[in-house]
Amino acid sequence: MLGFVGRGPELARLRAQLGRTGPDGRLLVVRGRRQVGKSSLLERFIKDAGVPSVFLTAAAGADSVSELQTFVAEVATSSLEAAETVRDSRPPTWDAFFRLIARSTSRPSIVVIDELPYLLSGDPSLEGVLQRAWDRELSQVPVLLCLIGSDVSVMGLLTTHGRPLFGRAAELRVDALAPADLRELLGLDAAGAFEAAVVTGGLPRLAQEWLACDASDPMSFVSVQLQDPTSPLVVLGERYLSAEFPSHVQSRTVLEVIGAGEPTFQRIAERSGLNHGSLTRSLRALTDSRLVVTDRPLAAAPSRLVQHQVREPYLRFWLRFLGPQRDRIDRGRGDVVSDRIATSWPSYLGRAVEPLLAAALTARLPDERFGTGTEVGRYWNRDHSVEVDLVVADRDQPPVAPTALGSVKWRRDAPFTRADGAALVQARAVVPGAAAASLFAVTRAGGDTAGLGIGLGPQDLM
């Protein structure tokens, strides 16, 4: 059974919101990608809080009337003070439903509505109903009302200017488990935890599967999962895309091309067959929904070079290796797919781990060893003759000042060499504004980093 680890900051914020209820209520919007554990987080919070509560979950495709009946039945059997009143009166409208809850609440309580986008898609007017119920009733009693949703675009807009709930709700974004959480969950060393994050993306469901098959490394986990065409590693990616793109075929096509390893506008256009306008709109939609990140070289001189990358590690892995091979996996030849992944794994891992390392390094900044830098990016030139894996820079005082350059060598059995260090020294001379930047190495297997001054291993970034 998967233990509950991490989530300390999120639980602390939830406790703080609950602590602020009384005499007035608190409204909290909880958002994040599918499968990151939003519902489990709230269930754990409710369990620990020990106050009257109810956890309501909307269903996809259900109409507003049937959902109201379901919610009424759930409240009637809950620990809320309103349970008996709701059970006896069976409120016929959403307004009456929320009114009864509010008028029966006298002590701190928690009401959770999960999968809110499903509820709103069935009846868009419910957004206004919620606002009215909050303003007139719920905000005046000690209730913490948590609205959860996996559709990031819908949840992100929920509290924006011009929407009914604008100015009324606090927000909590739930991300996937960090490598440190995976290390604790799966009993891995620091390097193994970063590599597990490359495949599982920190999704709790996949971490549970890892535990169940007692995997020792990513390839053993992949091998076991691909024996079953219905395993979570195989099917979660398709379900994810089907939910995100029920009718946006072009955006899904663009995402698949980027996931296949094509980062530039020109190559994406060639592979997708879309014209300039259509591709621009699709890329904008993908970046707005945080599925794709747009990257530019981080240096003192502005650059027009742009690369696109799938933001989430699991989806990136699925799009590269599993999505294109679904037919073969479904025919029971997951072993062939597994062998092909194993062949490509070292080169894929070396690049795929870099965003995780960059995020870990960013969390350490500012650090005097890296100067005044506060963010981490990459640098490359037009013909890719010079590439720097990690650029630490300070944007506070334009122009951007690179304060440190780093080289990542994520090789299991090959340590960092003097030649690797010499290549970084040569790159420093090319990166605009980096003449005074310090140099460092991030290496899985150690090595000769003395010439750079700073050498970091997986444990240092965990």
Protein backbone atom coordinates (compact mmCIF):
# COMPACT_ATOMS: atom_id res chain seq x y z
CA MET A 1 0.00 0.00 0.00
CA LEU A 2 1.30 3.42 -0.93
CA GLY A 3 2.18 5.49 2.11
CA PHE A 4 1.36 9.18 2.33
CA VAL A 5 4.57 11.21 2.16
CA GLY A 6 5.45 14.78 1.37
CA ARG A 7 2.76 17.40 0.89
CA GLY A 8 3.91 19.19 4.03
CA PRO A 9 3.52 22.72 2.58
CA GLU A 10 0.14 21.90 1.06
CA LEU A 11 -1.22 20.41 4.27
CA ALA A 12 0.10 23.39 6.21
CA ARG A 13 -1.77 25.77 3.90
CA LEU A 14 -4.96 23.76 4.24
CA ARG A 15 -4.66 23.78 8.04
CA ALA A 16 -4.08 27.54 7.94
CA GLN A 17 -7.21 28.05 5.83
CA LEU A 18 -9.25 25.94 8.22
CA GLY A 19 -7.81 27.84 11.18
CA ARG A 20 -9.09 31.10 9.70
CA THR A 21 -12.69 29.90 9.52
CA GLY A 22 -14.90 31.34 12.20
CA PRO A 23 -16.92 33.32 12.36
CA ASP A 24 -16.43 33.75 8.59
CA GLY A 25 -15.92 31.07 5.98
CA ARG A 26 -13.01 30.49 3.60
CA LEU A 27 -13.16 29.59 -0.09
CA LEU A 28 -10.26 27.68 -1.62
CA VAL A 29 -9.70 26.65 -5.25
CA VAL A 30 -7.45 23.58 -5.52
CA ARG A 31 -6.08 22.89 -8.98
CA GLY A 32 -3.47 20.75 -10.67
CA ARG A 33 -2.97 18.15 -13.38
CA ARG A 34 -4.78 14.84 -13.42
CA GLN A 35 -3.38 12.09 -11.24
CA VAL A 36 -1.18 14.38 -9.10
CA GLY A 37 -3.05 13.47 -5.92
CA LYS A 38 -5.38 16.43 -5.29
CA SER A 39 -8.23 14.26 -4.01
CA SER A 40 -5.93 12.16 -1.84
CA LEU A 41 -4.46 15.32 -0.34
CA LEU A 42 -7.89 16.64 0.64
CA GLU A 43 -8.97 13.26 1.97
CA ARG A 44 -5.86 13.13 4.16
CA PHE A 45 -6.49 16.69 5.32
CA ILE A 46 -10.07 15.86 6.28
CA LYS A 47 -8.92 12.78 8.16
CA ASP A 48 -6.34 14.75 10.12
CA ALA A 49 -8.60 17.73 10.76
CA GLY A 50 -11.24 15.75 12.65
CA VAL A 51 -14.04 18.27 12.04
CA PRO A 52 -17.47 17.81 10.43
CA SER A 53 -16.96 17.35 6.72
CA VAL A 54 -18.24 16.00 3.42
CA PHE A 55 -16.38 15.08 0.23
CA LEU A 56 -18.56 15.49 -2.87
CA THR A 57 -17.43 14.34 -6.33
CA ALA A 58 -19.07 15.36 -9.59
CA ALA A 59 -19.37 12.80 -12.39
CA ALA A 60 -18.46 13.33 -16.02
CA GLY A 61 -21.53 13.75 -18.21
CA ALA A 62 -24.02 13.85 -15.36
CA ASP A 63 -26.80 16.46 -15.52
CA SER A 64 -27.28 19.11 -12.87
CA VAL A 65 -30.47 17.60 -11.41
CA SER A 66 -28.99 14.14 -10.86
CA GLU A 67 -25.81 15.64 -9.41
CA LEU A 68 -27.84 17.65 -6.92
CA GLN A 69 -29.66 14.49 -5.82
CA THR A 70 -26.33 12.69 -5.41
CA PHE A 71 -24.85 15.55 -3.39
CA VAL A 72 -27.93 15.72 -1.17
CA ALA A 73 -27.63 11.99 -0.43
CA GLU A 74 -23.92 12.37 0.38
CA VAL A 75 -24.50 15.26 2.78
CA ALA A 76 -27.38 13.39 4.42
CA THR A 77 -25.00 10.61 5.48
CA SER A 78 -22.02 12.84 6.28
CA SER A 79 -20.73 14.23 9.56
CA LEU A 80 -21.87 17.76 8.73
CA GLU A 81 -24.24 19.41 11.17
CA ALA A 82 -26.59 19.85 8.22
CA ALA A 83 -26.90 16.10 7.61
CA GLU A 84 -30.22 15.59 9.39
CA THR A 85 -31.77 18.79 8.02
CA VAL A 86 -30.80 17.95 4.45
CA ARG A 87 -32.01 14.37 4.89
CA ASP A 88 -35.43 15.53 6.08
CA SER A 89 -36.00 18.42 3.66
CA ARG A 90 -34.35 17.11 0.47
CA PRO A 91 -33.62 20.59 -1.00
CA PRO A 92 -34.91 20.81 -4.60
CA THR A 93 -32.47 23.46 -5.89
CA TRP A 94 -28.78 24.25 -5.60
CA ASP A 95 -29.60 27.51 -3.84
CA ALA A 96 -31.64 25.66 -1.23
CA PHE A 97 -28.91 23.01 -0.88
CA PHE A 98 -26.19 25.50 -0.04
CA ARG A 99 -28.56 27.54 2.14
CA LEU A 100 -29.37 24.53 4.34
CA ILE A 101 -25.69 23.72 4.78
CA ALA A 102 -24.90 27.29 5.76
CA ARG A 103 -27.79 27.70 8.18
CA SER A 104 -26.96 24.43 9.95
CA THR A 105 -23.23 25.14 10.39
CA SER A 106 -22.12 26.53 13.75
CA ARG A 107 -18.59 25.13 14.13
CA PRO A 108 -15.60 24.78 11.79
CA SER A 109 -16.46 22.37 8.96
CA ILE A 110 -15.06 21.29 5.58
CA VAL A 111 -17.04 20.93 2.34
CA VAL A 112 -15.14 19.61 -0.68
CA ILE A 113 -16.51 19.61 -4.22
CA ASP A 114 -14.23 17.53 -6.44
CA GLU A 115 -14.16 17.52 -10.27
CA LEU A 116 -15.78 20.95 -10.38
CA PRO A 117 -15.25 21.31 -14.18
CA TYR A 118 -17.61 18.34 -14.70
CA LEU A 119 -20.26 20.09 -12.63
CA LEU A 120 -19.87 23.38 -14.50
CA SER A 121 -19.88 21.75 -17.93
CA GLY A 122 -23.28 20.21 -17.12
CA ASP A 123 -24.66 23.55 -15.92
CA PRO A 124 -22.52 26.67 -16.47
CA SER A 125 -24.97 28.73 -14.37
CA LEU A 126 -23.74 26.91 -11.26
CA GLU A 127 -20.72 29.20 -11.17
CA GLY A 128 -23.07 32.11 -10.48
CA VAL A 129 -25.07 29.99 -8.03
CA LEU A 130 -21.89 29.25 -6.09
CA GLN A 131 -21.00 32.93 -6.00
CA ARG A 132 -24.46 33.88 -4.73
CA ALA A 133 -24.48 31.12 -2.11
CA TRP A 134 -21.03 32.15 -0.95
CA ASP A 135 -21.81 35.85 -0.70
CA ARG A 136 -25.18 35.46 1.02
CA GLU A 137 -24.73 32.41 3.23
CA LEU A 138 -21.55 30.32 3.28
CA SER A 139 -19.05 33.15 3.75
CA GLN A 140 -20.79 34.07 7.01
CA VAL A 141 -20.37 30.70 8.73
CA PRO A 142 -17.21 28.79 9.77
CA VAL A 143 -16.95 26.55 6.70
CA LEU A 144 -13.93 25.85 4.49
CA LEU A 145 -15.31 25.28 0.98
CA CYS A 146 -12.74 23.59 -1.28
CA LEU A 147 -13.33 23.45 -5.03
CA ILE A 148 -11.09 20.90 -6.79
CA GLY A 149 -10.52 20.48 -10.49
CA SER A 150 -8.13 18.80 -12.90
CA ASP A 151 -8.90 20.95 -15.92
CA VAL A 152 -6.18 23.54 -15.38
CA SER A 153 -7.58 25.94 -17.97
CA VAL A 154 -11.03 25.97 -16.34
CA MET A 155 -9.71 26.16 -12.77
CA GLY A 156 -7.16 28.79 -13.69
CA LEU A 157 -9.89 31.06 -15.06
CA LEU A 158 -12.30 30.44 -12.19
CA THR A 159 -11.00 33.30 -10.03
CA THR A 160 -9.96 35.74 -12.77
CA HIS A 161 -11.40 39.22 -13.21
CA GLY A 162 -14.94 39.20 -14.54
CA ARG A 163 -15.79 35.71 -13.27
CA PRO A 164 -18.34 35.23 -10.44
CA LEU A 165 -15.78 34.02 -7.87
CA PHE A 166 -13.22 36.75 -8.58
CA GLY A 167 -11.73 38.16 -5.38
CA ARG A 168 -13.41 35.59 -3.18
CA ALA A 169 -11.12 32.55 -3.21
CA ALA A 170 -7.59 31.67 -2.26
CA GLU A 171 -5.76 29.19 -4.54
CA LEU A 172 -3.69 26.08 -3.94
CA ARG A 173 -1.87 24.39 -6.81
CA VAL A 174 -0.94 20.74 -6.30
CA ASP A 175 2.02 19.46 -8.29
CA ALA A 176 3.37 15.95 -8.75
CA LEU A 177 5.53 14.34 -6.08
CA ALA A 178 9.08 15.67 -5.99
CA PRO A 179 12.10 13.36 -6.45
CA ALA A 180 12.72 13.58 -2.69
CA ASP A 181 9.22 12.20 -2.07
CA LEU A 182 9.85 9.37 -4.54
CA ARG A 183 13.10 8.54 -2.80
CA GLU A 184 11.25 8.13 0.50
CA LEU A 185 8.34 6.24 -1.05
CA LEU A 186 10.31 3.85 -3.22
CA GLY A 187 13.42 3.35 -1.11
CA LEU A 188 15.76 4.62 -3.83
CA ASP A 189 19.01 6.50 -3.67
CA ALA A 190 19.08 10.10 -4.88
CA ALA A 191 20.07 9.25 -8.47
CA GLY A 192 17.41 6.55 -8.67
CA ALA A 193 14.77 8.97 -7.41
CA PHE A 194 15.53 11.50 -10.16
CA GLU A 195 15.38 8.69 -12.75
CA ALA A 196 12.10 7.38 -11.34
CA ALA A 197 10.69 10.90 -11.72
CA VAL A 198 11.67 10.89 -15.41
CA VAL A 199 9.35 7.90 -16.02
CA THR A 200 6.60 8.28 -13.44
CA GLY A 201 6.48 12.06 -13.45
CA GLY A 202 5.90 11.88 -9.70
CA LEU A 203 2.33 10.67 -10.23
CA PRO A 204 1.23 8.84 -7.05
CA ARG A 205 -0.62 6.17 -9.06
CA LEU A 206 2.55 5.24 -10.94
CA ALA A 207 4.60 5.34 -7.75
CA GLN A 208 2.16 2.83 -6.29
CA GLU A 209 2.64 0.61 -9.33
CA TRP A 210 6.42 0.86 -8.90
CA LEU A 211 6.07 -0.37 -5.35
CA ALA A 212 3.73 -3.18 -6.37
CA CYS A 213 6.17 -4.61 -8.91
CA ASP A 214 9.17 -4.06 -6.60
CA ALA A 215 11.16 -2.37 -9.38
CA SER A 216 14.81 -1.58 -8.80
CA ASP A 217 15.21 0.92 -11.64
CA PRO A 218 13.16 2.56 -14.42
CA MET A 219 13.78 -0.12 -17.02
CA SER A 220 12.67 -2.96 -14.75
CA PHE A 221 9.54 -0.96 -13.96
CA VAL A 222 8.85 -0.31 -17.65
CA SER A 223 9.43 -3.97 -18.51
CA VAL A 224 6.84 -5.17 -15.98
CA GLN A 225 4.28 -2.52 -16.93
CA LEU A 226 4.51 -3.27 -20.64
CA GLN A 227 3.58 -6.89 -20.05
CA ASP A 228 0.00 -5.65 -19.54
CA PRO A 229 -1.58 -3.39 -22.21
CA THR A 230 -3.96 -2.03 -19.55
CA SER A 231 -1.28 -1.13 -16.99
CA PRO A 232 -1.33 2.44 -15.63
CA LEU A 233 1.97 3.33 -17.28
CA VAL A 234 0.43 2.49 -20.66
CA VAL A 235 -3.11 3.86 -20.33
CA LEU A 236 -2.77 7.00 -18.20
CA GLY A 237 -1.19 8.95 -21.05
CA GLU A 238 -4.05 8.19 -23.44
CA ARG A 239 -6.65 9.02 -20.82
CA TYR A 240 -4.85 12.24 -20.06
CA LEU A 241 -4.82 13.35 -23.69
CA SER A 242 -8.43 12.29 -24.27
CA ALA A 243 -9.52 14.43 -21.35
CA GLU A 244 -7.40 17.43 -22.38
CA PHE A 245 -8.23 17.28 -26.09
CA PRO A 246 -11.73 15.86 -26.59
CA SER A 247 -12.15 17.93 -29.77
CA HIS A 248 -8.92 19.90 -30.28
CA VAL A 249 -7.29 17.58 -32.80
CA GLN A 250 -4.71 20.10 -33.99
CA SER A 251 -3.37 20.84 -30.51
CA ARG A 252 -3.04 17.16 -29.77
CA THR A 253 -1.19 16.61 -33.05
CA VAL A 254 1.23 19.42 -32.20
CA LEU A 255 1.78 18.02 -28.71
CA GLU A 256 2.56 14.59 -30.16
CA VAL A 257 5.11 16.08 -32.56
CA ILE A 258 6.82 17.96 -29.74
CA GLY A 259 6.74 14.83 -27.60
CA ALA A 260 8.44 12.93 -30.41
CA GLY A 261 11.44 15.23 -29.98
CA GLU A 262 10.84 18.09 -32.43
CA PRO A 263 11.41 21.35 -30.50
CA THR A 264 11.50 24.07 -33.19
CA PHE A 265 8.62 25.82 -34.94
CA GLN A 266 9.88 24.85 -38.39
CA ARG A 267 10.25 21.16 -37.60
CA ILE A 268 6.88 21.06 -35.81
CA ALA A 269 5.26 22.66 -38.85
CA GLU A 270 6.88 20.15 -41.19
CA ARG A 271 5.85 17.14 -39.10
CA SER A 272 2.32 18.35 -38.29
CA GLY A 273 1.48 19.77 -41.71
CA LEU A 274 -0.10 22.87 -40.13
CA ASN A 275 0.24 26.35 -41.60
CA HIS A 276 1.84 29.19 -39.66
CA GLY A 277 -1.38 30.59 -38.21
CA SER A 278 -2.83 27.26 -37.12
CA LEU A 279 0.43 26.16 -35.53
CA THR A 280 0.83 29.47 -33.72
CA ARG A 281 -2.66 29.14 -32.23
CA SER A 282 -2.05 25.55 -31.17
CA LEU A 283 1.27 26.39 -29.53
CA ARG A 284 -0.33 29.28 -27.69
CA ALA A 285 -3.10 27.00 -26.41
CA LEU A 286 -0.57 24.40 -25.27
CA THR A 287 1.58 26.93 -23.44
CA ASP A 288 -1.45 28.63 -21.86
CA SER A 289 -2.58 25.25 -20.51
CA ARG A 290 0.97 24.59 -19.21
CA LEU A 291 1.32 21.41 -21.24
CA VAL A 292 4.22 22.85 -23.21
CA VAL A 293 7.00 25.13 -22.03
CA THR A 294 8.64 27.58 -24.42
CA ASP A 295 12.37 27.98 -23.90
CA ARG A 296 14.84 30.63 -25.08
CA PRO A 297 18.62 30.74 -24.62
CA LEU A 298 19.42 32.38 -21.28
CA ALA A 299 22.18 34.92 -21.86
CA ALA A 300 22.90 38.65 -21.79
CA ALA A 301 22.05 39.09 -25.49
CA PRO A 302 18.39 38.61 -26.52
CA SER A 303 17.83 35.66 -28.84
CA ARG A 304 15.09 34.84 -31.31
CA LEU A 305 15.79 31.12 -30.98
CA VAL A 306 12.89 29.21 -29.45
CA GLN A 307 12.43 25.59 -28.42
CA HIS A 308 9.29 23.86 -27.20
CA GLN A 309 9.18 20.96 -24.76
CA VAL A 310 6.46 18.93 -23.08
CA ARG A 311 6.46 20.16 -19.51
CA GLU A 312 5.53 17.03 -17.57
CA PRO A 313 8.06 14.15 -17.37
CA TYR A 314 5.57 11.27 -17.55
CA LEU A 315 3.70 12.71 -20.51
CA ARG A 316 7.01 13.43 -22.23
CA PHE A 317 8.08 9.80 -21.73
CA TRP A 318 4.69 8.47 -22.86
CA LEU A 319 4.63 10.57 -26.02
CA ARG A 320 8.17 9.58 -26.95
CA PHE A 321 8.00 5.84 -26.30
CA LEU A 322 4.53 4.49 -25.53
CA GLY A 323 1.94 6.46 -27.50
CA PRO A 324 3.47 5.67 -30.91
CA GLN A 325 3.71 1.97 -29.96
CA ARG A 326 0.21 1.41 -28.58
CA ASP A 327 -0.76 -0.98 -31.36
CA ARG A 328 2.26 -3.18 -30.71
CA ILE A 329 1.69 -3.10 -26.95
CA ASP A 330 -1.98 -4.00 -27.44
CA ARG A 331 -0.91 -7.00 -29.54
CA GLY A 332 1.03 -8.33 -26.57
CA ARG A 333 4.49 -7.31 -27.81
CA GLY A 334 5.36 -5.00 -24.98
CA ASP A 335 8.63 -6.91 -24.72
CA VAL A 336 9.73 -5.55 -28.10
CA VAL A 337 8.81 -2.01 -27.05
CA SER A 338 10.60 -2.46 -23.75
CA ASP A 339 13.79 -3.56 -25.52
CA ARG A 340 13.66 -0.53 -27.80
CA ILE A 341 13.18 1.81 -24.87
CA ALA A 342 16.15 0.23 -23.09
CA THR A 343 18.33 0.88 -26.14
CA SER A 344 17.34 4.56 -26.28
CA TRP A 345 17.21 5.07 -22.54
CA PRO A 346 20.77 6.37 -21.83
CA SER A 347 20.58 9.15 -24.42
CA TYR A 348 16.97 10.02 -23.53
CA LEU A 349 17.70 10.08 -19.78
CA GLY A 350 20.64 12.43 -20.18
CA ARG A 351 18.39 15.11 -21.63
CA ALA A 352 15.14 14.30 -19.81
CA VAL A 353 16.68 14.59 -16.34
CA GLU A 354 17.94 18.12 -16.97
CA PRO A 355 14.63 19.95 -16.26
CA LEU A 356 14.37 18.08 -12.94
CA LEU A 357 17.91 19.05 -12.02
CA ALA A 358 17.26 22.64 -13.07
CA ALA A 359 14.18 22.77 -10.83
CA ALA A 360 16.15 21.30 -7.93
CA LEU A 361 18.93 23.83 -8.42
CA THR A 362 16.45 26.71 -8.66
CA ALA A 363 15.06 25.71 -5.28
CA ARG A 364 18.54 26.27 -3.77
CA LEU A 365 19.00 29.78 -5.13
CA PRO A 366 20.26 32.26 -4.21
CA ASP A 367 23.49 30.45 -3.31
CA GLU A 368 26.75 32.35 -3.02
CA ARG A 369 28.56 29.63 -4.97
CA PHE A 370 26.47 30.59 -8.01
CA GLY A 371 26.70 34.35 -7.54
CA THR A 372 23.53 36.42 -7.46
CA GLY A 373 21.63 34.20 -9.88
CA THR A 374 18.01 33.46 -9.06
CA GLU A 375 16.86 31.36 -12.01
CA VAL A 376 18.11 28.48 -14.14
CA GLY A 377 17.82 28.03 -17.88
CA ARG A 378 19.81 26.72 -20.87
CA TYR A 379 21.88 28.18 -23.69
CA TRP A 380 22.36 27.07 -27.27
CA ASN A 381 23.36 28.81 -30.48
CA ARG A 382 21.74 28.54 -33.89
CA ASP A 383 23.73 25.58 -35.18
CA HIS A 384 23.94 23.87 -31.75
CA SER A 385 27.72 23.89 -31.90
CA VAL A 386 27.58 25.32 -28.37
CA GLU A 387 25.11 24.07 -25.78
CA VAL A 388 25.15 24.69 -22.04
CA ASP A 389 22.90 22.46 -19.95
CA LEU A 390 22.40 24.79 -16.99
CA VAL A 391 22.73 28.57 -16.96
CA VAL A 392 22.26 30.36 -13.64
CA ALA A 393 21.36 34.00 -14.22
CA ASP A 394 20.16 37.17 -12.52
CA ARG A 395 17.28 38.94 -14.25
CA ASP A 396 16.77 41.58 -11.57
CA GLN A 397 19.09 44.08 -13.27
CA PRO A 398 18.90 43.89 -17.09
CA PRO A 399 20.63 42.90 -19.19
CA VAL A 400 20.51 39.31 -17.99
CA ALA A 401 23.77 38.40 -16.30
CA PRO A 402 24.75 34.70 -16.37
CA THR A 403 26.47 34.09 -13.04
CA ALA A 404 27.27 30.38 -13.45
CA LEU A 405 27.33 27.76 -16.20
CA GLY A 406 26.85 24.08 -15.55
CA SER A 407 27.41 20.85 -17.46
CA VAL A 408 25.25 17.77 -16.76
CA LYS A 409 26.79 14.35 -17.31
CA TRP A 410 24.22 11.81 -16.16
CA ARG A 411 26.18 8.66 -16.96
CA ARG A 412 25.92 5.65 -14.69
CA ASP A 413 29.42 4.27 -15.23
CA ALA A 414 31.29 7.15 -16.89
CA PRO A 415 32.42 9.96 -14.57
CA PHE A 416 32.89 13.60 -15.46
CA THR A 417 36.20 14.07 -17.27
CA ARG A 418 38.69 16.87 -17.83
CA ALA A 419 37.53 16.97 -21.44
CA ASP A 420 33.99 17.65 -20.24
CA GLY A 421 35.30 20.49 -18.12
CA ALA A 422 37.36 21.90 -20.98
CA ALA A 423 34.28 21.95 -23.21
CA LEU A 424 32.43 24.02 -20.59
CA VAL A 425 35.35 26.45 -20.37
CA GLN A 426 35.22 26.92 -24.15
CA ALA A 427 31.44 27.42 -24.04
CA ARG A 428 31.81 30.20 -21.46
CA ALA A 429 33.73 32.25 -24.01
CA VAL A 430 30.76 32.07 -26.39
CA VAL A 431 27.78 32.67 -24.09
CA PRO A 432 26.98 36.42 -24.12
CA GLY A 433 27.67 38.06 -20.77
CA ALA A 434 29.17 34.94 -19.19
CA ALA A 435 32.87 35.89 -19.20
CA ALA A 436 32.93 36.13 -15.40
CA ALA A 437 30.52 33.24 -14.73
CA SER A 438 31.65 30.45 -12.42
CA LEU A 439 31.58 26.88 -13.73
CA PHE A 440 30.12 23.75 -12.19
CA ALA A 441 29.31 20.15 -13.01
CA VAL A 442 26.32 17.96 -12.15
CA THR A 443 27.38 14.36 -12.46
CA ARG A 444 25.82 11.04 -11.56
CA ALA A 445 29.06 9.10 -11.24
CA GLY A 446 31.41 11.75 -9.83
CA GLY A 447 34.65 12.47 -11.65
CA ASP A 448 37.28 15.14 -12.10
CA THR A 449 35.46 18.41 -11.34
CA ALA A 450 38.31 20.10 -9.48
CA GLY A 451 39.10 22.34 -12.42
CA LEU A 452 35.61 23.84 -12.27
CA GLY A 453 35.47 24.57 -8.57
CA ILE A 454 31.99 23.13 -7.98
CA GLY A 455 30.88 19.55 -8.43
CA LEU A 456 27.36 18.45 -7.56
CA GLY A 457 25.98 14.94 -7.33
CA PRO A 458 22.36 13.71 -7.13
CA GLN A 459 22.37 13.89 -3.34
CA ASP A 460 23.42 17.56 -3.41
CA LEU A 461 20.33 18.44 -5.45
CA MET A 462 17.89 16.18 -3.62
